[in-house]
Structures are given as structure tokens and as C-alpha cells.
């Protein structure tokens, strides 16, 4: 067990060092078994955080994202958080003024993460395979840059489906409705 943990820590350290040394604009910490974003990374990356435009934390075990993460990586354009245990986002997400795409598929959201509605630059939101039943149609309709919202494999209520379709000027991806059982 400790050997595997040590290997995981070493893998994260290697990926962070590669990003810092090569001054790349992305950080890929997908599949690293992270339960939280390691605090040590903030210090290790402080010289390059402004240049980080893409972060993948997909397929980890994250239960939350901290406001410090959001404010540290304020220049993000793409954020991949697919395959975690997230059920909400910090309010500070609204300060990501350059964010164009966010992938929150395969998480535990029960409702649409409303702070995203205030991110005016968002073009793509992927919320496939969550537990979302209600969608803030009016807020989504006012998102001028939004081009695609993926809500497939969510139990979106029939009422929400009826309301949202005529209001949204972007591609809305929903799973086909289950047929209503006959009485």
C-alpha cells in the first residue's frame, strides 16, 4: 500500500516538475488517485501559474475544489474534472474570466452548478452522467458564449426539458426520455 502511494506521489511530482521546467501551459494530473489538490503544488508552481491554461484532474477521487485552486489558476481556459466525486463548485469559479470549457462529467452534481452561469466566456459545459434534475434555463439562456451543454445521462425532469429547449440558443445534449409507463 505504501509503495503504491509513494509511486503515486512521485508520479504527481514528476508531472508538476515537467510542467514547471518546460513552462508548458497545461498540467495533467489525471488518474493520480488524488483526494485533494496537493497544497505543495501551489508552492512548486508559483512561478508558472499565470501561464497555466489547461488543467486535467480527471479520474481522481476529488470531493471538492478549493477557492485557492480557482484563484491560483486564474488564467485557466480549460478545466477537466471528469470522473471525480464533486457535488458543488466554489463561488470563486466566477472569477475564471478566460474559462472556455469545463468537463464535470461523471461526478455527483444533483443540480446545475450555478456559479458557471456567471462565467461569461464559457463555450462548453459537460455535465454528462451526474444526478441533475433541474436546470436554470433563464440563466443558461443569458450565457452569450455558450455553444454546447451536455446533460446526457442525467435525470432531467420532463418540466425542465420543456422549459429549456425553446430558451437556449446553443446545442443542448440530453438523453432520450424514458417512455412514460402505461397505467
N, C-alpha and C. Protein backbone atom coordinates (compact mmCIF):
# COMPACT_ATOMS: atom_id res chain seq x y z
N UNK A 1 0.84 -1.21 0.00
CA UNK A 1 0.00 0.00 0.00
C UNK A 1 0.87 1.25 0.00
N UNK A 2 1.87 1.29 0.93
CA UNK A 2 2.72 2.49 0.99
C UNK A 2 3.56 2.64 -0.27
N UNK A 3 3.97 1.53 -0.84
CA UNK A 3 4.76 1.59 -2.07
C UNK A 3 3.94 2.23 -3.19
N UNK A 4 2.65 1.81 -3.30
CA UNK A 4 1.78 2.39 -4.33
C UNK A 4 1.55 3.87 -4.09
N UNK A 5 1.37 4.25 -2.82
CA UNK A 5 1.20 5.68 -2.51
C UNK A 5 2.44 6.45 -2.88
N UNK A 6 3.60 5.90 -2.57
CA UNK A 6 4.86 6.56 -2.91
C UNK A 6 5.02 6.74 -4.41
N UNK A 7 4.62 5.72 -5.16
CA UNK A 7 4.68 5.80 -6.62
C UNK A 7 3.74 6.87 -7.14
N UNK A 8 2.56 6.95 -6.54
CA UNK A 8 1.58 7.97 -6.96
C UNK A 8 2.10 9.37 -6.68
N UNK A 9 2.69 9.57 -5.51
CA UNK A 9 3.26 10.88 -5.15
C UNK A 9 4.39 11.23 -6.11
N UNK A 10 5.24 10.27 -6.40
CA UNK A 10 6.36 10.50 -7.33
C UNK A 10 5.84 10.87 -8.72
N UNK A 11 4.76 10.20 -9.17
CA UNK A 11 4.19 10.50 -10.49
C UNK A 11 3.66 11.93 -10.54
N UNK A 12 2.97 12.35 -9.48
CA UNK A 12 2.45 13.72 -9.42
C UNK A 12 3.63 14.70 -9.44
N UNK A 13 4.66 14.43 -8.63
CA UNK A 13 5.82 15.32 -8.58
C UNK A 13 6.49 15.43 -9.95
N UNK A 14 6.62 14.31 -10.65
CA UNK A 14 7.22 14.32 -12.00
C UNK A 14 6.40 15.19 -12.95
N UNK A 15 5.09 15.02 -12.91
CA UNK A 15 4.23 15.78 -13.82
C UNK A 15 4.31 17.28 -13.52
N UNK A 16 4.32 17.64 -12.23
CA UNK A 16 4.43 19.05 -11.85
C UNK A 16 5.79 19.60 -12.28
N UNK A 17 6.86 18.85 -12.02
CA UNK A 17 8.20 19.30 -12.42
C UNK A 17 8.32 19.46 -13.94
N UNK A 18 7.73 18.54 -14.70
CA UNK A 18 7.75 18.68 -16.16
C UNK A 18 7.08 19.97 -16.59
N UNK A 19 5.94 20.27 -16.00
CA UNK A 19 5.21 21.49 -16.36
C UNK A 19 6.04 22.73 -16.03
N UNK A 20 6.65 22.74 -14.84
CA UNK A 20 7.45 23.89 -14.41
C UNK A 20 8.70 24.04 -15.27
N UNK A 21 9.45 22.95 -15.44
CA UNK A 21 10.71 23.02 -16.18
C UNK A 21 10.51 23.36 -17.66
N UNK A 22 9.47 22.80 -18.25
CA UNK A 22 9.23 23.04 -19.68
C UNK A 22 8.34 24.25 -19.93
N UNK A 23 7.88 24.87 -18.85
CA UNK A 23 7.00 26.04 -18.94
C UNK A 23 5.83 25.79 -19.90
N UNK A 24 5.25 24.60 -19.82
CA UNK A 24 4.10 24.29 -20.67
C UNK A 24 2.88 25.00 -20.11
N UNK A 25 1.84 25.09 -20.92
CA UNK A 25 0.63 25.79 -20.47
C UNK A 25 -0.41 24.84 -19.90
N UNK A 26 -0.03 23.56 -19.71
CA UNK A 26 -1.01 22.62 -19.17
C UNK A 26 -0.41 21.75 -18.07
N UNK A 27 -1.29 21.31 -17.20
CA UNK A 27 -0.91 20.42 -16.10
C UNK A 27 -1.87 19.24 -16.14
N UNK A 28 -1.34 18.04 -16.32
CA UNK A 28 -2.17 16.85 -16.40
C UNK A 28 -1.93 15.97 -15.17
N UNK A 29 -2.89 16.02 -14.25
CA UNK A 29 -2.83 15.18 -13.05
C UNK A 29 -4.00 14.19 -13.05
N UNK A 30 -4.39 13.76 -14.25
CA UNK A 30 -5.46 12.78 -14.36
C UNK A 30 -4.96 11.43 -13.87
N UNK A 31 -5.88 10.64 -13.34
CA UNK A 31 -5.58 9.27 -12.91
C UNK A 31 -4.45 9.19 -11.88
N UNK A 32 -4.42 10.10 -10.93
CA UNK A 32 -3.37 10.11 -9.91
C UNK A 32 -3.89 9.75 -8.51
N UNK A 33 -5.13 9.31 -8.42
CA UNK A 33 -5.74 8.92 -7.14
C UNK A 33 -5.77 10.06 -6.12
N UNK A 34 -5.83 11.30 -6.59
CA UNK A 34 -5.84 12.46 -5.69
C UNK A 34 -7.18 12.58 -4.99
N UNK A 35 -7.14 12.76 -3.67
CA UNK A 35 -8.37 13.00 -2.91
C UNK A 35 -8.56 14.51 -2.71
N UNK A 36 -7.46 15.25 -2.75
CA UNK A 36 -7.48 16.71 -2.70
C UNK A 36 -6.37 17.19 -3.63
N UNK A 37 -6.42 18.47 -3.99
CA UNK A 37 -5.34 19.04 -4.78
C UNK A 37 -4.18 19.30 -3.82
N UNK A 38 -3.02 18.69 -4.05
CA UNK A 38 -1.90 18.80 -3.10
C UNK A 38 -1.44 20.25 -2.89
N UNK A 39 -1.42 20.68 -1.64
CA UNK A 39 -1.05 22.05 -1.28
C UNK A 39 0.37 22.38 -1.75
N UNK A 40 1.26 21.41 -1.71
CA UNK A 40 2.64 21.63 -2.14
C UNK A 40 2.78 22.07 -3.58
N UNK A 41 1.79 21.74 -4.40
CA UNK A 41 1.85 22.11 -5.81
C UNK A 41 1.78 23.62 -5.99
N UNK A 42 1.02 24.29 -5.13
CA UNK A 42 0.92 25.76 -5.25
C UNK A 42 2.30 26.38 -5.15
N UNK A 43 3.10 25.92 -4.19
CA UNK A 43 4.44 26.47 -3.99
C UNK A 43 5.36 26.07 -5.15
N UNK A 44 5.29 24.81 -5.55
CA UNK A 44 6.16 24.32 -6.63
C UNK A 44 5.89 25.01 -7.96
N UNK A 45 4.65 25.46 -8.16
CA UNK A 45 4.28 26.04 -9.45
C UNK A 45 4.13 27.55 -9.43
N UNK A 46 4.43 28.19 -8.31
CA UNK A 46 4.11 29.62 -8.21
C UNK A 46 4.73 30.47 -9.32
N UNK A 47 5.85 30.04 -9.89
CA UNK A 47 6.49 30.83 -10.96
C UNK A 47 5.79 30.66 -12.31
N UNK A 48 4.92 29.66 -12.44
CA UNK A 48 4.30 29.41 -13.75
C UNK A 48 2.77 29.41 -13.73
N UNK A 49 2.15 29.67 -12.58
CA UNK A 49 0.68 29.55 -12.51
C UNK A 49 -0.03 30.47 -13.50
N UNK A 50 0.50 31.65 -13.74
CA UNK A 50 -0.14 32.58 -14.68
C UNK A 50 -0.17 32.03 -16.10
N UNK A 51 0.77 31.14 -16.42
CA UNK A 51 0.84 30.59 -17.78
C UNK A 51 0.08 29.29 -17.96
N UNK A 52 -0.53 28.78 -16.90
CA UNK A 52 -1.27 27.52 -17.00
C UNK A 52 -2.67 27.80 -17.54
N UNK A 53 -2.97 27.23 -18.70
CA UNK A 53 -4.26 27.47 -19.35
C UNK A 53 -5.16 26.23 -19.36
N UNK A 54 -4.59 25.07 -19.08
CA UNK A 54 -5.36 23.83 -19.15
C UNK A 54 -4.93 22.91 -18.02
N UNK A 55 -5.90 22.45 -17.23
CA UNK A 55 -5.60 21.50 -16.15
C UNK A 55 -6.57 20.34 -16.25
N UNK A 56 -6.01 19.13 -16.15
CA UNK A 56 -6.84 17.93 -16.08
C UNK A 56 -6.62 17.26 -14.73
N UNK A 57 -7.71 17.14 -14.00
CA UNK A 57 -7.73 16.39 -12.74
C UNK A 57 -8.74 15.25 -12.88
N UNK A 58 -8.90 14.78 -14.11
CA UNK A 58 -9.90 13.75 -14.39
C UNK A 58 -9.54 12.43 -13.72
N UNK A 59 -10.59 11.68 -13.39
CA UNK A 59 -10.45 10.33 -12.86
C UNK A 59 -9.58 10.26 -11.61
N UNK A 60 -9.86 11.13 -10.68
CA UNK A 60 -9.24 11.10 -9.38
C UNK A 60 -10.33 10.79 -8.36
N UNK A 61 -10.13 11.19 -7.12
CA UNK A 61 -11.12 10.95 -6.07
C UNK A 61 -11.46 12.25 -5.35
N UNK A 62 -11.47 13.35 -6.11
CA UNK A 62 -11.72 14.66 -5.52
C UNK A 62 -13.18 14.80 -5.09
N UNK A 63 -13.36 15.27 -3.86
CA UNK A 63 -14.72 15.51 -3.36
C UNK A 63 -15.06 17.00 -3.42
N UNK A 64 -14.03 17.84 -3.49
CA UNK A 64 -14.28 19.28 -3.59
C UNK A 64 -13.09 19.96 -4.26
N UNK A 65 -13.35 21.16 -4.69
CA UNK A 65 -12.33 22.02 -5.29
C UNK A 65 -12.28 23.25 -4.41
N UNK A 66 -11.09 23.69 -4.03
CA UNK A 66 -10.98 24.82 -3.12
C UNK A 66 -10.97 26.16 -3.86
N UNK A 67 -11.33 27.19 -3.13
CA UNK A 67 -11.27 28.53 -3.72
C UNK A 67 -9.82 28.89 -4.03
N UNK A 68 -8.87 28.37 -3.25
CA UNK A 68 -7.45 28.65 -3.51
C UNK A 68 -7.04 28.11 -4.88
N UNK A 69 -7.53 26.93 -5.22
CA UNK A 69 -7.22 26.36 -6.54
C UNK A 69 -7.68 27.31 -7.64
N UNK A 70 -8.92 27.75 -7.52
CA UNK A 70 -9.51 28.61 -8.55
C UNK A 70 -8.77 29.95 -8.65
N UNK A 71 -8.46 30.57 -7.53
CA UNK A 71 -7.80 31.87 -7.57
C UNK A 71 -6.33 31.76 -7.98
N UNK A 72 -5.70 30.62 -7.69
CA UNK A 72 -4.29 30.43 -8.09
C UNK A 72 -4.18 30.25 -9.60
N UNK A 73 -5.07 29.47 -10.16
CA UNK A 73 -5.02 29.20 -11.61
C UNK A 73 -6.07 30.05 -12.33
N UNK A 74 -5.96 31.35 -12.16
CA UNK A 74 -6.98 32.28 -12.66
C UNK A 74 -6.98 32.43 -14.18
N UNK A 75 -5.95 31.95 -14.86
CA UNK A 75 -5.87 32.10 -16.31
C UNK A 75 -6.38 30.88 -17.07
N UNK A 76 -7.01 29.95 -16.36
CA UNK A 76 -7.48 28.71 -17.00
C UNK A 76 -8.43 28.97 -18.16
N UNK A 77 -8.23 28.21 -19.22
CA UNK A 77 -9.15 28.22 -20.36
C UNK A 77 -9.93 26.90 -20.42
N UNK A 78 -9.28 25.82 -19.96
CA UNK A 78 -9.92 24.51 -19.95
C UNK A 78 -9.67 23.83 -18.62
N UNK A 79 -10.72 23.22 -18.07
CA UNK A 79 -10.62 22.51 -16.80
C UNK A 79 -11.37 21.20 -16.92
N UNK A 80 -10.64 20.10 -16.74
CA UNK A 80 -11.24 18.77 -16.83
C UNK A 80 -11.28 18.14 -15.44
N UNK A 81 -12.49 18.01 -14.91
CA UNK A 81 -12.70 17.42 -13.59
C UNK A 81 -13.57 16.16 -13.69
N UNK A 82 -13.62 15.56 -14.87
CA UNK A 82 -14.47 14.38 -15.09
C UNK A 82 -14.04 13.23 -14.19
N UNK A 83 -15.02 12.42 -13.79
CA UNK A 83 -14.71 11.20 -13.07
C UNK A 83 -14.23 11.39 -11.64
N UNK A 84 -14.81 12.34 -10.92
CA UNK A 84 -14.48 12.55 -9.52
C UNK A 84 -15.74 12.40 -8.68
N UNK A 85 -15.73 12.93 -7.47
CA UNK A 85 -16.89 12.84 -6.57
C UNK A 85 -17.42 14.23 -6.23
N UNK A 86 -17.27 15.17 -7.14
CA UNK A 86 -17.69 16.55 -6.89
C UNK A 86 -19.21 16.68 -6.89
N UNK A 87 -19.72 17.53 -6.01
CA UNK A 87 -21.15 17.79 -6.00
C UNK A 87 -21.45 19.29 -6.00
N UNK A 88 -20.39 20.12 -5.88
CA UNK A 88 -20.55 21.57 -5.99
C UNK A 88 -19.22 22.19 -6.38
N UNK A 89 -19.28 23.46 -6.82
CA UNK A 89 -18.08 24.21 -7.17
C UNK A 89 -18.00 25.43 -6.27
N UNK A 90 -16.79 25.90 -5.98
CA UNK A 90 -16.69 27.12 -5.16
C UNK A 90 -17.19 28.33 -5.93
N UNK A 91 -17.74 29.29 -5.21
CA UNK A 91 -18.26 30.53 -5.81
C UNK A 91 -17.19 31.24 -6.63
N UNK A 92 -15.92 31.07 -6.24
CA UNK A 92 -14.81 31.75 -6.92
C UNK A 92 -14.66 31.34 -8.38
N UNK A 93 -15.32 30.28 -8.81
CA UNK A 93 -15.28 29.87 -10.21
C UNK A 93 -15.71 31.05 -11.09
N UNK A 94 -16.53 31.93 -10.57
CA UNK A 94 -16.99 33.10 -11.34
C UNK A 94 -15.83 34.03 -11.71
N UNK A 95 -14.68 33.89 -11.02
CA UNK A 95 -13.53 34.75 -11.32
C UNK A 95 -12.66 34.19 -12.44
N UNK A 96 -13.00 33.03 -13.00
CA UNK A 96 -12.23 32.47 -14.11
C UNK A 96 -12.66 33.15 -15.41
N UNK A 97 -12.08 34.29 -15.66
CA UNK A 97 -12.51 35.16 -16.76
C UNK A 97 -12.11 34.68 -18.15
N UNK A 98 -11.31 33.61 -18.22
CA UNK A 98 -10.85 33.11 -19.52
C UNK A 98 -11.35 31.69 -19.79
N UNK A 99 -12.08 31.11 -18.85
CA UNK A 99 -12.51 29.71 -18.97
C UNK A 99 -13.47 29.53 -20.13
N UNK A 100 -13.10 28.63 -21.05
CA UNK A 100 -13.94 28.36 -22.22
C UNK A 100 -14.60 27.00 -22.16
N UNK A 101 -13.96 26.03 -21.49
CA UNK A 101 -14.52 24.68 -21.45
C UNK A 101 -14.30 24.06 -20.07
N UNK A 102 -15.36 23.42 -19.57
CA UNK A 102 -15.25 22.70 -18.30
C UNK A 102 -15.94 21.35 -18.45
N UNK A 103 -15.24 20.31 -18.02
CA UNK A 103 -15.78 18.96 -18.08
C UNK A 103 -16.02 18.48 -16.65
N UNK A 104 -17.29 18.33 -16.31
CA UNK A 104 -17.70 17.86 -14.98
C UNK A 104 -18.47 16.54 -15.10
N UNK A 105 -18.26 15.83 -16.19
CA UNK A 105 -19.00 14.58 -16.38
C UNK A 105 -18.57 13.54 -15.33
N UNK A 106 -19.47 12.59 -15.09
CA UNK A 106 -19.23 11.50 -14.15
C UNK A 106 -18.81 11.99 -12.76
N UNK A 107 -19.60 12.92 -12.23
CA UNK A 107 -19.41 13.41 -10.87
C UNK A 107 -20.70 13.17 -10.09
N UNK A 108 -20.96 13.96 -9.08
CA UNK A 108 -22.14 13.75 -8.23
C UNK A 108 -23.01 14.99 -8.09
N UNK A 109 -23.05 15.81 -9.13
CA UNK A 109 -23.88 17.01 -9.09
C UNK A 109 -25.36 16.63 -9.12
N UNK A 110 -26.12 17.18 -8.20
CA UNK A 110 -27.58 16.95 -8.19
C UNK A 110 -28.30 18.11 -8.85
N UNK A 111 -27.64 19.25 -8.90
CA UNK A 111 -28.21 20.41 -9.59
C UNK A 111 -27.10 21.06 -10.41
N UNK A 112 -27.52 21.84 -11.38
CA UNK A 112 -26.57 22.55 -12.23
C UNK A 112 -25.71 23.45 -11.35
N UNK A 113 -24.38 23.41 -11.49
CA UNK A 113 -23.50 24.27 -10.68
C UNK A 113 -23.67 25.75 -11.09
N UNK A 114 -24.49 26.46 -10.34
CA UNK A 114 -24.89 27.82 -10.73
C UNK A 114 -23.75 28.82 -10.89
N UNK A 115 -22.63 28.69 -10.15
CA UNK A 115 -21.54 29.66 -10.42
C UNK A 115 -21.10 29.68 -11.88
N UNK A 116 -21.28 28.57 -12.59
CA UNK A 116 -20.88 28.52 -14.00
C UNK A 116 -21.68 29.49 -14.86
N UNK A 117 -22.92 29.76 -14.48
CA UNK A 117 -23.77 30.66 -15.25
C UNK A 117 -23.20 32.08 -15.29
N UNK A 118 -22.34 32.41 -14.34
CA UNK A 118 -21.74 33.75 -14.29
C UNK A 118 -20.41 33.83 -15.05
N UNK A 119 -19.94 32.72 -15.58
CA UNK A 119 -18.68 32.70 -16.33
C UNK A 119 -19.02 33.00 -17.79
N UNK A 120 -18.88 34.25 -18.16
CA UNK A 120 -19.35 34.72 -19.47
C UNK A 120 -18.58 34.16 -20.66
N UNK A 121 -17.36 33.65 -20.43
CA UNK A 121 -16.54 33.15 -21.53
C UNK A 121 -16.79 31.68 -21.85
N UNK A 122 -17.56 30.97 -21.00
CA UNK A 122 -17.76 29.54 -21.19
C UNK A 122 -18.45 29.21 -22.51
N UNK A 123 -17.85 28.32 -23.27
CA UNK A 123 -18.41 27.87 -24.55
C UNK A 123 -18.95 26.45 -24.44
N UNK A 124 -18.32 25.62 -23.60
CA UNK A 124 -18.67 24.21 -23.49
C UNK A 124 -18.75 23.80 -22.03
N UNK A 125 -19.88 23.19 -21.66
CA UNK A 125 -20.05 22.63 -20.32
C UNK A 125 -20.48 21.18 -20.49
N UNK A 126 -19.72 20.26 -19.92
CA UNK A 126 -20.05 18.85 -19.99
C UNK A 126 -20.43 18.36 -18.59
N UNK A 127 -21.70 18.02 -18.41
CA UNK A 127 -22.21 17.51 -17.14
C UNK A 127 -22.82 16.11 -17.32
N UNK A 128 -22.37 15.41 -18.33
CA UNK A 128 -22.91 14.07 -18.59
C UNK A 128 -22.70 13.16 -17.38
N UNK A 129 -23.66 12.27 -17.15
CA UNK A 129 -23.60 11.28 -16.08
C UNK A 129 -23.44 11.89 -14.70
N UNK A 130 -24.34 12.78 -14.34
CA UNK A 130 -24.45 13.28 -12.99
C UNK A 130 -25.85 12.92 -12.50
N UNK A 131 -26.36 13.64 -11.54
CA UNK A 131 -27.68 13.35 -10.98
C UNK A 131 -28.58 14.58 -11.06
N UNK A 132 -28.40 15.37 -12.12
CA UNK A 132 -29.09 16.66 -12.25
C UNK A 132 -30.53 16.47 -12.70
N UNK A 133 -31.45 17.09 -11.95
CA UNK A 133 -32.87 17.02 -12.31
C UNK A 133 -33.39 18.37 -12.78
N UNK A 134 -32.88 19.45 -12.20
CA UNK A 134 -33.35 20.80 -12.54
C UNK A 134 -32.24 21.60 -13.21
N UNK A 135 -32.63 22.45 -14.14
CA UNK A 135 -31.68 23.26 -14.90
C UNK A 135 -32.16 24.71 -14.91
N UNK A 136 -31.29 25.68 -14.57
CA UNK A 136 -31.71 27.10 -14.56
C UNK A 136 -31.78 27.67 -15.98
N UNK A 137 -32.87 27.39 -16.66
CA UNK A 137 -33.00 27.72 -18.08
C UNK A 137 -32.75 29.20 -18.38
N UNK A 138 -33.32 30.09 -17.57
CA UNK A 138 -33.16 31.53 -17.84
C UNK A 138 -31.69 31.95 -17.74
N UNK A 139 -31.00 31.44 -16.72
CA UNK A 139 -29.58 31.79 -16.55
C UNK A 139 -28.77 31.26 -17.72
N UNK A 140 -29.05 30.04 -18.12
CA UNK A 140 -28.32 29.46 -19.25
C UNK A 140 -28.58 30.23 -20.54
N UNK A 141 -29.82 30.64 -20.73
CA UNK A 141 -30.17 31.38 -21.94
C UNK A 141 -29.42 32.70 -22.05
N UNK A 142 -29.00 33.25 -20.91
CA UNK A 142 -28.30 34.53 -20.93
C UNK A 142 -26.77 34.36 -21.10
N UNK A 143 -26.30 33.13 -21.20
CA UNK A 143 -24.87 32.89 -21.39
C UNK A 143 -24.52 33.03 -22.87
N UNK A 144 -24.09 34.22 -23.24
CA UNK A 144 -23.89 34.56 -24.66
C UNK A 144 -22.85 33.70 -25.37
N UNK A 145 -21.81 33.26 -24.69
CA UNK A 145 -20.75 32.49 -25.34
C UNK A 145 -21.02 31.00 -25.40
N UNK A 146 -21.97 30.52 -24.61
CA UNK A 146 -22.20 29.07 -24.52
C UNK A 146 -22.64 28.49 -25.87
N UNK A 147 -21.93 27.46 -26.30
CA UNK A 147 -22.22 26.79 -27.57
C UNK A 147 -22.75 25.38 -27.35
N UNK A 148 -22.35 24.73 -26.23
CA UNK A 148 -22.74 23.35 -26.03
C UNK A 148 -22.86 23.04 -24.53
N UNK A 149 -23.98 22.40 -24.18
CA UNK A 149 -24.22 21.94 -22.81
C UNK A 149 -24.62 20.48 -22.91
N UNK A 150 -23.81 19.60 -22.33
CA UNK A 150 -24.08 18.17 -22.37
C UNK A 150 -24.68 17.75 -21.03
N UNK A 151 -25.94 17.36 -21.07
CA UNK A 151 -26.65 16.87 -19.88
C UNK A 151 -27.10 15.42 -20.08
N UNK A 152 -26.46 14.70 -20.98
CA UNK A 152 -26.84 13.30 -21.21
C UNK A 152 -26.67 12.50 -19.93
N UNK A 153 -27.49 11.47 -19.79
CA UNK A 153 -27.43 10.55 -18.65
C UNK A 153 -27.63 11.27 -17.32
N UNK A 154 -28.52 12.26 -17.31
CA UNK A 154 -28.96 12.94 -16.10
C UNK A 154 -30.48 12.78 -16.04
N UNK A 155 -31.03 12.68 -14.85
CA UNK A 155 -32.49 12.55 -14.74
C UNK A 155 -33.21 13.90 -14.80
N UNK A 156 -32.96 14.66 -15.87
CA UNK A 156 -33.58 15.98 -16.03
C UNK A 156 -35.10 15.80 -16.10
N UNK A 157 -35.80 16.55 -15.27
CA UNK A 157 -37.26 16.40 -15.19
C UNK A 157 -37.93 16.78 -16.50
N UNK A 158 -39.07 16.15 -16.80
CA UNK A 158 -39.80 16.49 -18.04
C UNK A 158 -40.17 17.98 -18.11
N UNK A 159 -40.52 18.58 -16.96
CA UNK A 159 -40.84 20.01 -16.95
C UNK A 159 -39.64 20.85 -17.37
N UNK A 160 -38.47 20.51 -16.84
CA UNK A 160 -37.25 21.25 -17.18
C UNK A 160 -36.94 21.10 -18.66
N UNK A 161 -37.16 19.91 -19.21
CA UNK A 161 -36.93 19.68 -20.63
C UNK A 161 -37.80 20.59 -21.49
N UNK A 162 -39.06 20.69 -21.12
CA UNK A 162 -39.99 21.54 -21.88
C UNK A 162 -39.61 23.01 -21.80
N UNK A 163 -39.17 23.45 -20.63
CA UNK A 163 -38.82 24.86 -20.44
C UNK A 163 -37.54 25.25 -21.16
N UNK A 164 -36.55 24.38 -21.09
CA UNK A 164 -35.22 24.77 -21.54
C UNK A 164 -35.08 24.80 -23.06
N UNK A 165 -35.65 23.85 -23.77
CA UNK A 165 -35.46 23.77 -25.23
C UNK A 165 -35.71 25.08 -25.97
N UNK A 166 -36.88 25.75 -25.77
CA UNK A 166 -37.11 26.97 -26.55
C UNK A 166 -36.26 28.15 -26.11
N UNK A 167 -35.67 28.08 -24.92
CA UNK A 167 -34.92 29.23 -24.41
C UNK A 167 -33.46 29.26 -24.81
N UNK A 168 -32.88 28.12 -25.08
CA UNK A 168 -31.43 28.08 -25.26
C UNK A 168 -31.01 28.16 -26.72
N UNK A 169 -30.07 29.08 -27.01
CA UNK A 169 -29.59 29.26 -28.38
C UNK A 169 -28.34 28.44 -28.67
N UNK A 170 -28.09 27.35 -27.93
CA UNK A 170 -26.88 26.56 -28.10
C UNK A 170 -27.26 25.09 -28.22
N UNK A 171 -26.27 24.23 -28.50
CA UNK A 171 -26.52 22.80 -28.59
C UNK A 171 -26.74 22.24 -27.20
N UNK A 172 -27.91 21.67 -26.99
CA UNK A 172 -28.24 21.05 -25.71
C UNK A 172 -28.35 19.56 -25.94
N UNK A 173 -27.49 18.80 -25.27
CA UNK A 173 -27.47 17.36 -25.44
C UNK A 173 -28.14 16.70 -24.24
N UNK A 174 -29.25 16.01 -24.51
CA UNK A 174 -29.99 15.30 -23.47
C UNK A 174 -30.17 13.86 -23.91
N UNK A 175 -30.26 12.96 -22.94
CA UNK A 175 -30.59 11.57 -23.27
C UNK A 175 -32.04 11.51 -23.68
N UNK A 176 -32.40 10.56 -24.51
CA UNK A 176 -33.82 10.41 -24.85
C UNK A 176 -34.62 10.15 -23.58
N UNK A 177 -35.82 10.70 -23.56
CA UNK A 177 -36.67 10.49 -22.39
C UNK A 177 -37.12 9.06 -22.32
N UNK A 178 -37.23 8.57 -21.09
CA UNK A 178 -37.79 7.24 -20.89
C UNK A 178 -39.28 7.32 -21.22
N UNK A 179 -39.82 6.32 -21.87
CA UNK A 179 -41.26 6.35 -22.13
C UNK A 179 -42.04 6.28 -20.82
N UNK A 180 -43.15 6.99 -20.79
CA UNK A 180 -43.98 7.01 -19.57
C UNK A 180 -44.76 5.69 -19.54
N UNK A 181 -44.60 4.93 -18.42
CA UNK A 181 -45.28 3.62 -18.36
C UNK A 181 -46.80 3.81 -18.40
N UNK A 182 -47.47 2.92 -19.09
CA UNK A 182 -48.94 2.95 -19.17
C UNK A 182 -49.52 2.48 -17.84
N UNK A 183 -50.65 3.07 -17.43
CA UNK A 183 -51.26 2.69 -16.15
C UNK A 183 -52.01 1.38 -16.27
